[in-house]
C-alpha atoms as a PDB file:
ATOM      1  CA  UNK A   1      40.322 -23.702  68.405  1.00  0.00           C
ATOM      2  CA  UNK A   2      41.197 -26.565  70.783  1.00  0.00           C
ATOM      3  CA  UNK A   3      44.340 -26.389  73.411  1.00  0.00           C
ATOM      4  CA  UNK A   4      45.964 -29.202  71.269  1.00  0.00           C
ATOM      5  CA  UNK A   5      45.403 -27.663  67.880  1.00  0.00           C
ATOM      6  CA  UNK A   6      46.834 -24.228  69.057  1.00  0.00           C
ATOM      7  CA  UNK A   7      49.974 -25.707  70.498  1.00  0.00           C
ATOM      8  CA  UNK A   8      50.320 -27.850  67.259  1.00  0.00           C
ATOM      9  CA  UNK A   9      50.086 -24.927  64.825  1.00  0.00           C
ATOM     10  CA  UNK A  10      52.699 -22.910  67.043  1.00  0.00           C
ATOM     11  CA  UNK A  11      54.924 -25.836  67.028  1.00  0.00           C
ATOM     12  CA  UNK A  12      54.489 -26.332  63.372  1.00  0.00           C
ATOM     13  CA  UNK A  13      55.254 -22.368  62.638  1.00  0.00           C
ATOM     14  CA  UNK A  14      58.349 -22.729  64.868  1.00  0.00           C
ATOM     15  CA  UNK A  15      59.586 -25.598  62.871  1.00  0.00           C
ATOM     16  CA  UNK A  16      58.960 -23.782  59.497  1.00  0.00           C
ATOM     17  CA  UNK A  17      60.722 -20.908  60.949  1.00  0.00           C
ATOM     18  CA  UNK A  18      63.725 -22.738  62.203  1.00  0.00           C
ATOM     19  CA  UNK A  19      64.145 -24.589  58.861  1.00  0.00           C
ATOM     20  CA  UNK A  20      64.187 -21.177  57.231  1.00  0.00           C
ATOM     21  CA  UNK A  21      67.058 -19.996  58.970  1.00  0.00           C
ATOM     22  CA  UNK A  22      68.872 -23.086  58.772  1.00  0.00           C
ATOM     23  CA  UNK A  23      68.408 -23.113  54.959  1.00  0.00           C
ATOM     24  CA  UNK A  24      70.530 -19.820  55.024  1.00  0.00           C
ATOM     25  CA  UNK A  25      73.370 -21.677  55.446  1.00  0.00           C
ATOM     26  CA  UNK A  26      75.591 -23.250  52.952  1.00  0.00           C
ATOM     27  CA  UNK A  27      74.253 -26.413  51.241  1.00  0.00           C
ATOM     28  CA  UNK A  28      77.482 -28.084  51.977  1.00  0.00           C
ATOM     29  CA  UNK A  29      76.748 -28.143  55.693  1.00  0.00           C
ATOM     30  CA  UNK A  30      74.002 -30.525  55.142  1.00  0.00           C
ATOM     31  CA  UNK A  31      71.818 -29.272  58.077  1.00  0.00           C
ATOM     32  CA  UNK A  32      68.744 -31.107  58.802  1.00  0.00           C
ATOM     33  CA  UNK A  33      66.304 -30.909  61.659  1.00  0.00           C
ATOM     34  CA  UNK A  34      64.586 -34.093  62.793  1.00  0.00           C
ATOM     35  CA  UNK A  35      61.031 -32.915  63.118  1.00  0.00           C
ATOM     36  CA  UNK A  36      59.737 -35.730  65.114  1.00  0.00           C
ATOM     37  CA  UNK A  37      62.593 -35.031  67.711  1.00  0.00           C
ATOM     38  CA  UNK A  38      61.502 -31.316  67.410  1.00  0.00           C
ATOM     39  CA  UNK A  39      57.956 -31.977  68.249  1.00  0.00           C
ATOM     40  CA  UNK A  40      58.856 -34.539  71.018  1.00  0.00           C
ATOM     41  CA  UNK A  41      60.669 -31.671  72.790  1.00  0.00           C
ATOM     42  CA  UNK A  42      57.500 -29.563  73.186  1.00  0.00           C
ATOM     43  CA  UNK A  43      54.970 -30.522  75.826  1.00  0.00           C
ATOM     44  CA  UNK A  44      51.772 -28.778  76.959  1.00  0.00           C
ATOM     45  CA  UNK A  45      49.071 -29.346  79.837  1.00  0.00           C
ATOM     46  CA  UNK A  46      46.032 -30.819  77.998  1.00  0.00           C
ATOM     47  CA  UNK A  47      42.373 -30.410  78.738  1.00  0.00           C
ATOM     48  CA  UNK A  48      42.687 -33.065  81.485  1.00  0.00           C
ATOM     49  CA  UNK A  49      45.836 -31.348  83.160  1.00  0.00           C
ATOM     50  CA  UNK A  50      48.014 -34.197  81.786  1.00  0.00           C
ATOM     51  CA  UNK A  51      51.618 -33.120  80.171  1.00  0.00           C
ATOM     52  CA  UNK A  52      51.408 -34.163  76.261  1.00  0.00           C
ATOM     53  CA  UNK A  53      53.905 -33.769  73.469  1.00  0.00           C
ATOM     54  CA  UNK A  54      52.878 -32.291  70.198  1.00  0.00           C
ATOM     55  CA  UNK A  55      52.034 -34.962  67.612  1.00  0.00           C
ATOM     56  CA  UNK A  56      54.418 -35.647  64.647  1.00  0.00           C
ATOM     57  CA  UNK A  57      53.875 -34.014  61.078  1.00  0.00           C
ATOM     58  CA  UNK A  58      54.314 -36.859  58.659  1.00  0.00           C
ATOM     59  CA  UNK A  59      53.808 -34.751  55.821  1.00  0.00           C
ATOM     60  CA  UNK A  60      55.609 -31.661  56.779  1.00  0.00           C
ATOM     61  CA  UNK A  61      59.090 -30.318  56.170  1.00  0.00           C
ATOM     62  CA  UNK A  62      62.149 -31.638  57.741  1.00  0.00           C
ATOM     63  CA  UNK A  63      63.677 -35.106  58.189  1.00  0.00           C
ATOM     64  CA  UNK A  64      62.293 -37.827  60.474  1.00  0.00           C
ATOM     65  CA  UNK A  65      64.645 -40.728  61.396  1.00  0.00           C
ATOM     66  CA  UNK A  66      61.523 -42.762  62.242  1.00  0.00           C
ATOM     67  CA  UNK A  67      59.793 -42.285  58.676  1.00  0.00           C
ATOM     68  CA  UNK A  68      60.049 -45.597  56.812  1.00  0.00           C
ATOM     69  CA  UNK A  69      61.407 -43.834  53.581  1.00  0.00           C
ATOM     70  CA  UNK A  70      61.077 -40.933  51.274  1.00  0.00           C
ATOM     71  CA  UNK A  71      58.722 -42.901  49.143  1.00  0.00           C
ATOM     72  CA  UNK A  72      56.292 -43.364  51.696  1.00  0.00           C
ATOM     73  CA  UNK A  73      56.414 -39.646  52.595  1.00  0.00           C
ATOM     74  CA  UNK A  74      55.869 -38.721  49.013  1.00  0.00           C
ATOM     75  CA  UNK A  75      52.860 -40.674  48.661  1.00  0.00           C
ATOM     76  CA  UNK A  76      51.514 -39.145  51.700  1.00  0.00           C
ATOM     77  CA  UNK A  77      52.244 -35.542  50.319  1.00  0.00           C
ATOM     78  CA  UNK A  78      50.325 -36.783  47.075  1.00  0.00           C
ATOM     79  CA  UNK A  79      47.272 -37.832  49.101  1.00  0.00           C
ATOM     80  CA  UNK A  80      47.308 -34.280  50.701  1.00  0.00           C
ATOM     81  CA  UNK A  81      47.956 -32.777  47.387  1.00  0.00           C
ATOM     82  CA  UNK A  82      44.942 -34.466  45.778  1.00  0.00           C
ATOM     83  CA  UNK A  83      42.753 -33.445  48.521  1.00  0.00           C
ATOM     84  CA  UNK A  84      43.928 -29.813  48.088  1.00  0.00           C
ATOM     85  CA  UNK A  85      43.452 -29.998  44.163  1.00  0.00           C
ATOM     86  CA  UNK A  86      39.670 -30.867  44.998  1.00  0.00           C
ATOM     87  CA  UNK A  87      39.443 -28.132  47.866  1.00  0.00           C
ATOM     88  CA  UNK A  88      40.964 -25.117  45.934  1.00  0.00           C
ATOM     89  CA  UNK A  89      38.137 -25.002  43.103  1.00  0.00           C
ATOM     90  CA  UNK A  90      35.652 -25.734  45.728  1.00  0.00           C
ATOM     91  CA  UNK A  91      36.486 -22.771  47.526  1.00  0.00           C
ATOM     92  CA  UNK A  92      37.476 -20.484  44.715  1.00  0.00           C
ATOM     93  CA  UNK A  93      34.036 -21.005  43.251  1.00  0.00           C
ATOM     94  CA  UNK A  94      32.737 -18.575  46.070  1.00  0.00           C
ATOM     95  CA  UNK A  95      34.856 -15.728  44.794  1.00  0.00           C
ATOM     96  CA  UNK A  96      32.890 -13.670  42.254  1.00  0.00           C
ATOM     97  CA  UNK A  97      35.814 -12.418  40.141  1.00  0.00           C
ATOM     98  CA  UNK A  98      37.265 -15.959  39.620  1.00  0.00           C
ATOM     99  CA  UNK A  99      34.034 -17.362  38.695  1.00  0.00           C
ATOM    100  CA  UNK A 100      33.117 -14.624  36.079  1.00  0.00           C
ATOM    101  CA  UNK A 101      36.771 -14.781  34.796  1.00  0.00           C
ATOM    102  CA  UNK A 102      36.931 -18.611  34.279  1.00  0.00           C
ATOM    103  CA  UNK A 103      33.105 -19.395  34.081  1.00  0.00           C
ATOM    104  CA  UNK A 104      33.284 -21.846  36.816  1.00  0.00           C
ATOM    105  CA  UNK A 105      36.072 -24.197  34.984  1.00  0.00           C
ATOM    106  CA  UNK A 106      37.838 -25.986  38.053  1.00  0.00           C
ATOM    107  CA  UNK A 107      40.874 -26.684  36.049  1.00  0.00           C
ATOM    108  CA  UNK A 108      41.176 -23.139  34.991  1.00  0.00           C
ATOM    109  CA  UNK A 109      40.492 -21.882  38.376  1.00  0.00           C
ATOM    110  CA  UNK A 110      43.196 -24.220  39.860  1.00  0.00           C
ATOM    111  CA  UNK A 111      45.968 -22.968  37.458  1.00  0.00           C
ATOM    112  CA  UNK A 112      45.448 -19.101  37.937  1.00  0.00           C
ATOM    113  CA  UNK A 113      43.576 -16.356  39.002  1.00  0.00           C
ATOM    114  CA  UNK A 114      41.781 -15.084  42.021  1.00  0.00           C
ATOM    115  CA  UNK A 115      45.010 -15.197  44.044  1.00  0.00           C
ATOM    116  CA  UNK A 116      45.808 -18.686  43.482  1.00  0.00           C
ATOM    117  CA  UNK A 117      49.554 -17.991  42.522  1.00  0.00           C
ATOM    118  CA  UNK A 118      50.742 -20.136  45.130  1.00  0.00           C
ATOM    119  CA  UNK A 119      48.955 -22.886  43.705  1.00  0.00           C
ATOM    120  CA  UNK A 120      50.030 -22.127  40.075  1.00  0.00           C
ATOM    121  CA  UNK A 121      53.608 -22.112  40.974  1.00  0.00           C
ATOM    122  CA  UNK A 122      53.497 -25.508  42.696  1.00  0.00           C
ATOM    123  CA  UNK A 123      51.743 -26.965  39.746  1.00  0.00           C
ATOM    124  CA  UNK A 124      54.505 -25.795  37.670  1.00  0.00           C
ATOM    125  CA  UNK A 125      56.978 -27.323  39.867  1.00  0.00           C
ATOM    126  CA  UNK A 126      55.129 -30.738  39.859  1.00  0.00           C
ATOM    127  CA  UNK A 127      54.933 -30.801  35.894  1.00  0.00           C
END
């Protein structure tokens, strides 16, 4: 893993952790985190020895003042979801129990079985 990817992974994990803890507050507080400011506050020394900040996470959680609008973010998330929808059956077909249970049917693999409960839940929310 490259240095930038390692720092980016930790920064994204920290953002998710912060959002989790803030979600414990009453919704009436309307607390939100500007993820762009959050990432810009974290810097590291890159491979060339220069200081660099963590790049934004355009499809990630949180709020961003510089995001054009929620529709643009939703479109980006839809694009990522389409890639994931293609990826899950591709990976799942290498798991023997999934292939046997669903006879290689990619739609059935995506909808359940073989540890895909998270994907199944997301699909229910999206419909």
